[in-house]
Amino acid sequence: MNNEEFKSLLKKASLTKKSFSELVGTSTQGVNNWSNKDRGIPYWVKSWLTLYIENKECKELKEIIRANVCKDA
């Protein structure tokens, strides 16, 4: 994954580098250093962000269903 894709996934997840670093338990400086060509972005970041985004979308859908379908239950 390149730096532009990383930024795009962060934006889609509504995360900043700081909030992402807090969620995964690493330093913000460490995340900032990933954009250096010699370091690169770790292999697991793309799948982690993809799953985070999917989970967020499922939670939002669940709330919509709960508010509109389950309100009479």
C-alpha atoms as a PDB file:
ATOM      1  CA  MET A   1       0.000   0.000   0.000  1.00  0.00           C
ATOM      2  CA  ASN A   2       1.318   3.408  -0.874  1.00  0.00           C
ATOM      3  CA  ASN A   3       0.984   6.619   1.116  1.00  0.00           C
ATOM      4  CA  GLU A   4      -1.892   7.981  -1.008  1.00  0.00           C
ATOM      5  CA  GLU A   5      -3.952   4.819  -0.482  1.00  0.00           C
ATOM      6  CA  PHE A   6      -3.207   5.009   3.243  1.00  0.00           C
ATOM      7  CA  LYS A   7      -4.439   8.608   3.384  1.00  0.00           C
ATOM      8  CA  SER A   8      -7.530   7.680   1.386  1.00  0.00           C
ATOM      9  CA  LEU A   9      -8.417   4.802   3.718  1.00  0.00           C
ATOM     10  CA  LEU A  10      -7.857   7.000   6.771  1.00  0.00           C
ATOM     11  CA  LYS A  11     -10.225   9.579   5.305  1.00  0.00           C
ATOM     12  CA  LYS A  12     -12.844   6.934   4.488  1.00  0.00           C
ATOM     13  CA  ALA A  13     -12.539   5.656   8.058  1.00  0.00           C
ATOM     14  CA  SER A  14     -12.866   9.230   9.388  1.00  0.00           C
ATOM     15  CA  LEU A  15      -9.567   8.814  11.215  1.00  0.00           C
ATOM     16  CA  THR A  16      -6.556  11.046  11.574  1.00  0.00           C
ATOM     17  CA  LYS A  17      -3.064   9.618  11.840  1.00  0.00           C
ATOM     18  CA  LYS A  18      -3.206  10.456  15.542  1.00  0.00           C
ATOM     19  CA  SER A  19      -6.531   8.687  16.173  1.00  0.00           C
ATOM     20  CA  PHE A  20      -5.381   5.703  14.100  1.00  0.00           C
ATOM     21  CA  SER A  21      -2.146   5.452  16.065  1.00  0.00           C
ATOM     22  CA  GLU A  22      -4.090   5.526  19.339  1.00  0.00           C
ATOM     23  CA  LEU A  23      -6.430   2.755  18.155  1.00  0.00           C
ATOM     24  CA  VAL A  24      -3.594   0.452  17.113  1.00  0.00           C
ATOM     25  CA  GLY A  25      -1.360   1.305  20.059  1.00  0.00           C
ATOM     26  CA  THR A  26       1.572   2.959  18.343  1.00  0.00           C
ATOM     27  CA  SER A  27       3.006   6.443  18.371  1.00  0.00           C
ATOM     28  CA  THR A  28       1.791   9.159  16.035  1.00  0.00           C
ATOM     29  CA  GLN A  29       5.418   9.799  15.089  1.00  0.00           C
ATOM     30  CA  GLY A  30       5.766   6.155  14.101  1.00  0.00           C
ATOM     31  CA  VAL A  31       2.737   6.418  11.814  1.00  0.00           C
ATOM     32  CA  ASN A  32       4.101   9.648  10.343  1.00  0.00           C
ATOM     33  CA  ASN A  33       7.400   7.889   9.649  1.00  0.00           C
ATOM     34  CA  TRP A  34       5.651   5.297   7.491  1.00  0.00           C
ATOM     35  CA  SER A  35       5.506   7.801   4.669  1.00  0.00           C
ATOM     36  CA  ASN A  36       9.302   7.691   4.456  1.00  0.00           C
ATOM     37  CA  LYS A  37      10.310   5.614   1.449  1.00  0.00           C
ATOM     38  CA  ASP A  38      12.741   3.475   3.436  1.00  0.00           C
ATOM     39  CA  ARG A  39      10.205   2.514   6.123  1.00  0.00           C
ATOM     40  CA  GLY A  40       7.019   1.891   4.172  1.00  0.00           C
ATOM     41  CA  ILE A  41       3.562   1.184   5.536  1.00  0.00           C
ATOM     42  CA  PRO A  42       3.284  -2.158   7.373  1.00  0.00           C
ATOM     43  CA  TYR A  43       1.532  -4.976   5.512  1.00  0.00           C
ATOM     44  CA  TRP A  44      -1.310  -5.282   8.054  1.00  0.00           C
ATOM     45  CA  VAL A  45      -2.510  -1.665   7.858  1.00  0.00           C
ATOM     46  CA  LYS A  46      -4.611  -2.056   4.706  1.00  0.00           C
ATOM     47  CA  SER A  47      -6.580  -5.037   6.024  1.00  0.00           C
ATOM     48  CA  TRP A  48      -6.981  -3.400   9.449  1.00  0.00           C
ATOM     49  CA  LEU A  49      -8.390  -0.201   7.958  1.00  0.00           C
ATOM     50  CA  THR A  50     -10.615  -2.115   5.536  1.00  0.00           C
ATOM     51  CA  LEU A  51     -12.126  -4.127   8.385  1.00  0.00           C
ATOM     52  CA  TYR A  52     -12.495  -0.986  10.521  1.00  0.00           C
ATOM     53  CA  ILE A  53     -14.413   0.734   7.708  1.00  0.00           C
ATOM     54  CA  GLU A  54     -16.641  -2.305   7.109  1.00  0.00           C
ATOM     55  CA  ASN A  55     -17.386  -2.584  10.824  1.00  0.00           C
ATOM     56  CA  LYS A  56     -18.217   1.112  11.034  1.00  0.00           C
ATOM     57  CA  GLU A  57     -20.608   0.799   8.076  1.00  0.00           C
ATOM     58  CA  CYS A  58     -22.277  -2.249   9.664  1.00  0.00           C
ATOM     59  CA  LYS A  59     -22.750  -0.385  12.940  1.00  0.00           C
ATOM     60  CA  GLU A  60     -24.313   2.557  11.102  1.00  0.00           C
ATOM     61  CA  LEU A  61     -26.652   0.227   9.196  1.00  0.00           C
ATOM     62  CA  LYS A  62     -27.574  -1.547  12.414  1.00  0.00           C
ATOM     63  CA  GLU A  63     -28.543   1.764  14.009  1.00  0.00           C
ATOM     64  CA  ILE A  64     -30.673   2.713  10.992  1.00  0.00           C
ATOM     65  CA  ILE A  65     -32.464  -0.621  11.131  1.00  0.00           C
ATOM     66  CA  ARG A  66     -32.936  -0.383  14.869  1.00  0.00           C
ATOM     67  CA  ALA A  67     -34.347   3.149  14.595  1.00  0.00           C
ATOM     68  CA  ASN A  68     -36.702   2.410  11.702  1.00  0.00           C
ATOM     69  CA  VAL A  69     -37.672  -1.249  11.882  1.00  0.00           C
ATOM     70  CA  CYS A  70     -37.418  -2.169  15.515  1.00  0.00           C
ATOM     71  CA  LYS A  71     -39.054   0.933  16.948  1.00  0.00           C
ATOM     72  CA  ASP A  72     -42.422  -0.833  17.325  1.00  0.00           C
ATOM     73  CA  ALA A  73     -40.957  -3.943  18.925  1.00  0.00           C
END
